[in-house]
Structure formats: C-alpha cells, structure tokens
Amino acid sequence: MNKDCFAFVEKNGHQGCRALNYLYCKKEECKFYKKKCEVNLEEIEEAIKNYAK
C-alpha cells in the first residue's frame, strides 16, 4: 500500500483514495500513484472546479 501517495487518505482508522472509488494499491499496482511531493493538490482542486462549470 502506498501511504505516500497524494490520493491516500486515512481517517478514523479507515483508509481510502481521493482519486478513485477503491483503494487499488491495497491489492495491485495503481496506475494513478504519485508521491505527495509530485502533485499540487491546489492545482487539482482548481482544475476540478473549472471542469465542473
């Protein structure tokens, strides 16, 4: 499991993924894996807002 991934989130003992509906890295290699230092979450959130318009 890639706990250093930008999309990995752990809250109240529950582990999840912000990018996908399933935590694929728990069972297999995830094609969306990127280290937190490689991704700017603010840019992603802004892009999502612009896309939703």
PDB file of N, CA and C in Angstrom:
ATOM      1  N   MET A   1       0.843  -1.171   0.000  1.00  0.00           N
ATOM      2  CA  MET A   1       0.000   0.000   0.000  1.00  0.00           C
ATOM      3  C   MET A   1       0.891   1.238   0.000  1.00  0.00           C
ATOM      4  N   ASN A   2       0.516   2.233  -0.786  1.00  0.00           N
ATOM      5  CA  ASN A   2       1.332   3.439  -0.960  1.00  0.00           C
ATOM      6  C   ASN A   2       0.801   4.581  -0.111  1.00  0.00           C
ATOM      7  N   LYS A   3       1.190   4.601   1.152  1.00  0.00           N
ATOM      8  CA  LYS A   3       0.712   5.640   2.061  1.00  0.00           C
ATOM      9  C   LYS A   3       1.306   7.008   1.741  1.00  0.00           C
ATOM     10  N   ASP A   4       2.319   7.055   0.875  1.00  0.00           N
ATOM     11  CA  ASP A   4       2.922   8.329   0.495  1.00  0.00           C
ATOM     12  C   ASP A   4       2.280   8.904  -0.775  1.00  0.00           C
ATOM     13  N   CYS A   5       1.196   8.280  -1.235  1.00  0.00           N
ATOM     14  CA  CYS A   5       0.506   8.721  -2.442  1.00  0.00           C
ATOM     15  C   CYS A   5      -0.337   9.966  -2.145  1.00  0.00           C
ATOM     16  N   PHE A   6      -0.438  10.855  -3.116  1.00  0.00           N
ATOM     17  CA  PHE A   6      -1.221  12.082  -2.956  1.00  0.00           C
ATOM     18  C   PHE A   6      -2.695  11.794  -2.685  1.00  0.00           C
ATOM     19  N   ALA A   7      -3.197  10.680  -3.157  1.00  0.00           N
ATOM     20  CA  ALA A   7      -4.624  10.382  -3.034  1.00  0.00           C
ATOM     21  C   ALA A   7      -4.963   9.530  -1.811  1.00  0.00           C
ATOM     22  N   PHE A   8      -3.956   8.996  -1.151  1.00  0.00           N
ATOM     23  CA  PHE A   8      -4.202   8.148   0.021  1.00  0.00           C
ATOM     24  C   PHE A   8      -4.683   9.002   1.178  1.00  0.00           C
ATOM     25  N   VAL A   9      -5.753   8.557   1.816  1.00  0.00           N
ATOM     26  CA  VAL A   9      -6.287   9.267   2.977  1.00  0.00           C
ATOM     27  C   VAL A   9      -6.655   8.250   4.049  1.00  0.00           C
ATOM     28  N   GLU A  10      -6.350   8.605   5.288  1.00  0.00           N
ATOM     29  CA  GLU A  10      -6.686   7.743   6.411  1.00  0.00           C
ATOM     30  C   GLU A  10      -7.397   8.603   7.449  1.00  0.00           C
ATOM     31  N   LYS A  11      -8.614   8.191   7.804  1.00  0.00           N
ATOM     32  CA  LYS A  11      -9.409   8.972   8.751  1.00  0.00           C
ATOM     33  C   LYS A  11     -10.177   8.010   9.645  1.00  0.00           C
ATOM     34  N   ASN A  12     -10.038   8.200  10.936  1.00  0.00           N
ATOM     35  CA  ASN A  12     -10.725   7.363  11.925  1.00  0.00           C
ATOM     36  C   ASN A  12     -10.482   5.874  11.683  1.00  0.00           C
ATOM     37  N   GLY A  13      -9.268   5.527  11.311  1.00  0.00           N
ATOM     38  CA  GLY A  13      -8.907   4.134  11.089  1.00  0.00           C
ATOM     39  C   GLY A  13      -9.328   3.577   9.744  1.00  0.00           C
ATOM     40  N   HIS A  14     -10.026   4.390   8.949  1.00  0.00           N
ATOM     41  CA  HIS A  14     -10.463   3.954   7.615  1.00  0.00           C
ATOM     42  C   HIS A  14      -9.494   4.485   6.565  1.00  0.00           C
ATOM     43  N   GLN A  15      -9.079   3.635   5.658  1.00  0.00           N
ATOM     44  CA  GLN A  15      -8.175   4.031   4.585  1.00  0.00           C
ATOM     45  C   GLN A  15      -8.952   4.128   3.286  1.00  0.00           C
ATOM     46  N   GLY A  16      -8.645   5.157   2.507  1.00  0.00           N
ATOM     47  CA  GLY A  16      -9.348   5.343   1.248  1.00  0.00           C
ATOM     48  C   GLY A  16      -8.494   6.052   0.219  1.00  0.00           C
ATOM     49  N   CYS A  17      -9.118   6.355  -0.898  1.00  0.00           N
ATOM     50  CA  CYS A  17      -8.452   7.010  -2.019  1.00  0.00           C
ATOM     51  C   CYS A  17      -9.282   8.206  -2.465  1.00  0.00           C
ATOM     52  N   ARG A  18      -8.647   9.361  -2.595  1.00  0.00           N
ATOM     53  CA  ARG A  18      -9.353  10.567  -3.054  1.00  0.00           C
ATOM     54  C   ARG A  18      -9.591  10.555  -4.555  1.00  0.00           C
ATOM     55  N   ALA A  19      -8.794   9.815  -5.284  1.00  0.00           N
ATOM     56  CA  ALA A  19      -8.855   9.848  -6.744  1.00  0.00           C
ATOM     57  C   ALA A  19      -9.779   8.775  -7.322  1.00  0.00           C
ATOM     58  N   LEU A  20      -9.891   7.653  -6.642  1.00  0.00           N
ATOM     59  CA  LEU A  20     -10.662   6.528  -7.162  1.00  0.00           C
ATOM     60  C   LEU A  20     -11.672   6.048  -6.120  1.00  0.00           C
ATOM     61  N   ASN A  21     -12.625   5.274  -6.547  1.00  0.00           N
ATOM     62  CA  ASN A  21     -13.644   4.760  -5.635  1.00  0.00           C
ATOM     63  C   ASN A  21     -13.162   3.578  -4.810  1.00  0.00           C
ATOM     64  N   TYR A  22     -12.013   3.040  -5.147  1.00  0.00           N
ATOM     65  CA  TYR A  22     -11.486   1.850  -4.489  1.00  0.00           C
ATOM     66  C   TYR A  22      -9.995   2.044  -4.237  1.00  0.00           C
ATOM     67  N   LEU A  23      -9.492   1.530  -3.151  1.00  0.00           N
ATOM     68  CA  LEU A  23      -8.079   1.636  -2.805  1.00  0.00           C
ATOM     69  C   LEU A  23      -7.310   0.514  -3.510  1.00  0.00           C
ATOM     70  N   TYR A  24      -7.064   0.706  -4.811  1.00  0.00           N
ATOM     71  CA  TYR A  24      -6.435  -0.328  -5.641  1.00  0.00           C
ATOM     72  C   TYR A  24      -5.060  -0.734  -5.142  1.00  0.00           C
ATOM     73  N   CYS A  25      -4.314   0.205  -4.574  1.00  0.00           N
ATOM     74  CA  CYS A  25      -2.952  -0.121  -4.141  1.00  0.00           C
ATOM     75  C   CYS A  25      -2.930  -1.149  -3.013  1.00  0.00           C
ATOM     76  N   LYS A  26      -4.073  -1.406  -2.436  1.00  0.00           N
ATOM     77  CA  LYS A  26      -4.152  -2.426  -1.398  1.00  0.00           C
ATOM     78  C   LYS A  26      -4.018  -3.826  -1.996  1.00  0.00           C
ATOM     79  N   LYS A  27      -4.439  -3.999  -3.263  1.00  0.00           N
ATOM     80  CA  LYS A  27      -4.446  -5.316  -3.900  1.00  0.00           C
ATOM     81  C   LYS A  27      -3.527  -5.430  -5.118  1.00  0.00           C
ATOM     82  N   GLU A  28      -3.274  -4.300  -5.783  1.00  0.00           N
ATOM     83  CA  GLU A  28      -2.498  -4.335  -7.025  1.00  0.00           C
ATOM     84  C   GLU A  28      -1.773  -3.007  -7.236  1.00  0.00           C
ATOM     85  N   GLU A  29      -1.008  -2.918  -8.296  1.00  0.00           N
ATOM     86  CA  GLU A  29      -0.310  -1.678  -8.627  1.00  0.00           C
ATOM     87  C   GLU A  29      -1.318  -0.671  -9.187  1.00  0.00           C
ATOM     88  N   CYS A  30      -1.336   0.509  -8.621  1.00  0.00           N
ATOM     89  CA  CYS A  30      -2.274   1.543  -9.051  1.00  0.00           C
ATOM     90  C   CYS A  30      -1.626   2.411 -10.125  1.00  0.00           C
ATOM     91  N   LYS A  31      -2.337   2.614 -11.219  1.00  0.00           N
ATOM     92  CA  LYS A  31      -1.819   3.414 -12.332  1.00  0.00           C
ATOM     93  C   LYS A  31      -1.837   4.906 -12.033  1.00  0.00           C
ATOM     94  N   PHE A  32      -2.546   5.333 -10.992  1.00  0.00           N
ATOM     95  CA  PHE A  32      -2.656   6.748 -10.636  1.00  0.00           C
ATOM     96  C   PHE A  32      -1.675   7.162  -9.540  1.00  0.00           C
ATOM     97  N   TYR A  33      -0.860   6.234  -9.056  1.00  0.00           N
ATOM     98  CA  TYR A  33       0.054   6.524  -7.945  1.00  0.00           C
ATOM     99  C   TYR A  33       1.041   7.630  -8.288  1.00  0.00           C
ATOM    100  N   LYS A  34       1.100   8.614  -7.408  1.00  0.00           N
ATOM    101  CA  LYS A  34       2.117   9.658  -7.455  1.00  0.00           C
ATOM    102  C   LYS A  34       2.409  10.060  -6.015  1.00  0.00           C
ATOM    103  N   LYS A  35       3.674  10.330  -5.740  1.00  0.00           N
ATOM    104  CA  LYS A  35       4.043  10.780  -4.403  1.00  0.00           C
ATOM    105  C   LYS A  35       3.444  12.161  -4.145  1.00  0.00           C
ATOM    106  N   LYS A  36       3.165  12.439  -2.878  1.00  0.00           N
ATOM    107  CA  LYS A  36       2.570  13.720  -2.496  1.00  0.00           C
ATOM    108  C   LYS A  36       3.414  14.899  -2.976  1.00  0.00           C
ATOM    109  N   CYS A  37       4.726  14.737  -2.953  1.00  0.00           N
ATOM    110  CA  CYS A  37       5.617  15.826  -3.345  1.00  0.00           C
ATOM    111  C   CYS A  37       5.583  16.088  -4.854  1.00  0.00           C
ATOM    112  N   GLU A  38       5.024  15.156  -5.638  1.00  0.00           N
ATOM    113  CA  GLU A  38       4.956  15.306  -7.090  1.00  0.00           C
ATOM    114  C   GLU A  38       3.664  15.969  -7.566  1.00  0.00           C
ATOM    115  N   VAL A  39       2.721  16.184  -6.644  1.00  0.00           N
ATOM    116  CA  VAL A  39       1.395  16.659  -7.025  1.00  0.00           C
ATOM    117  C   VAL A  39       1.033  17.899  -6.217  1.00  0.00           C
ATOM    118  N   ASN A  40       0.427  18.866  -6.889  1.00  0.00           N
ATOM    119  CA  ASN A  40      -0.059  20.061  -6.213  1.00  0.00           C
ATOM    120  C   ASN A  40      -1.580  19.930  -6.090  1.00  0.00           C
ATOM    121  N   LEU A  41      -2.057  19.628  -4.877  1.00  0.00           N
ATOM    122  CA  LEU A  41      -3.490  19.403  -4.668  1.00  0.00           C
ATOM    123  C   LEU A  41      -4.322  20.648  -4.963  1.00  0.00           C
ATOM    124  N   GLU A  42      -3.760  21.814  -4.733  1.00  0.00           N
ATOM    125  CA  GLU A  42      -4.497  23.052  -5.027  1.00  0.00           C
ATOM    126  C   GLU A  42      -4.772  23.175  -6.526  1.00  0.00           C
ATOM    127  N   GLU A  43      -3.803  22.816  -7.356  1.00  0.00           N
ATOM    128  CA  GLU A  43      -3.995  22.858  -8.806  1.00  0.00           C
ATOM    129  C   GLU A  43      -5.062  21.851  -9.243  1.00  0.00           C
ATOM    130  N   ILE A  44      -5.063  20.684  -8.647  1.00  0.00           N
ATOM    131  CA  ILE A  44      -6.052  19.666  -8.982  1.00  0.00           C
ATOM    132  C   ILE A  44      -7.450  20.142  -8.595  1.00  0.00           C
ATOM    133  N   GLU A  45      -7.594  20.687  -7.390  1.00  0.00           N
ATOM    134  CA  GLU A  45      -8.894  21.178  -6.944  1.00  0.00           C
ATOM    135  C   GLU A  45      -9.394  22.306  -7.842  1.00  0.00           C
ATOM    136  N   GLU A  46      -8.510  23.194  -8.258  1.00  0.00           N
ATOM    137  CA  GLU A  46      -8.888  24.291  -9.157  1.00  0.00           C
ATOM    138  C   GLU A  46      -9.317  23.740 -10.517  1.00  0.00           C
ATOM    139  N   ALA A  47      -8.603  22.751 -11.016  1.00  0.00           N
ATOM    140  CA  ALA A  47      -8.960  22.147 -12.307  1.00  0.00           C
ATOM    141  C   ALA A  47     -10.328  21.472 -12.229  1.00  0.00           C
ATOM    142  N   ILE A  48     -10.609  20.832 -11.108  1.00  0.00           N
ATOM    143  CA  ILE A  48     -11.917  20.188 -10.939  1.00  0.00           C
ATOM    144  C   ILE A  48     -13.019  21.239 -10.919  1.00  0.00           C
ATOM    145  N   LYS A  49     -12.807  22.333 -10.219  1.00  0.00           N
ATOM    146  CA  LYS A  49     -13.795  23.417 -10.174  1.00  0.00           C
ATOM    147  C   LYS A  49     -14.056  23.965 -11.570  1.00  0.00           C
ATOM    148  N   ASN A  50     -12.997  24.180 -12.331  1.00  0.00           N
ATOM    149  CA  ASN A  50     -13.138  24.712 -13.697  1.00  0.00           C
ATOM    150  C   ASN A  50     -13.830  23.715 -14.619  1.00  0.00           C
ATOM    151  N   TYR A  51     -13.571  22.455 -14.436  1.00  0.00           N
ATOM    152  CA  TYR A  51     -14.176  21.415 -15.258  1.00  0.00           C
ATOM    153  C   TYR A  51     -15.684  21.313 -14.987  1.00  0.00           C
ATOM    154  N   ALA A  52     -16.058  21.529 -13.737  1.00  0.00           N
ATOM    155  CA  ALA A  52     -17.459  21.384 -13.322  1.00  0.00           C
ATOM    156  C   ALA A  52     -18.338  22.542 -13.806  1.00  0.00           C
ATOM    157  N   LYS A  53     -17.729  23.612 -14.287  1.00  0.00           N
ATOM    158  CA  LYS A  53     -18.518  24.785 -14.720  1.00  0.00           C
ATOM    159  C   LYS A  53     -19.274  24.532 -15.986  1.00  0.00           C
TER     160      LYS A  53
END
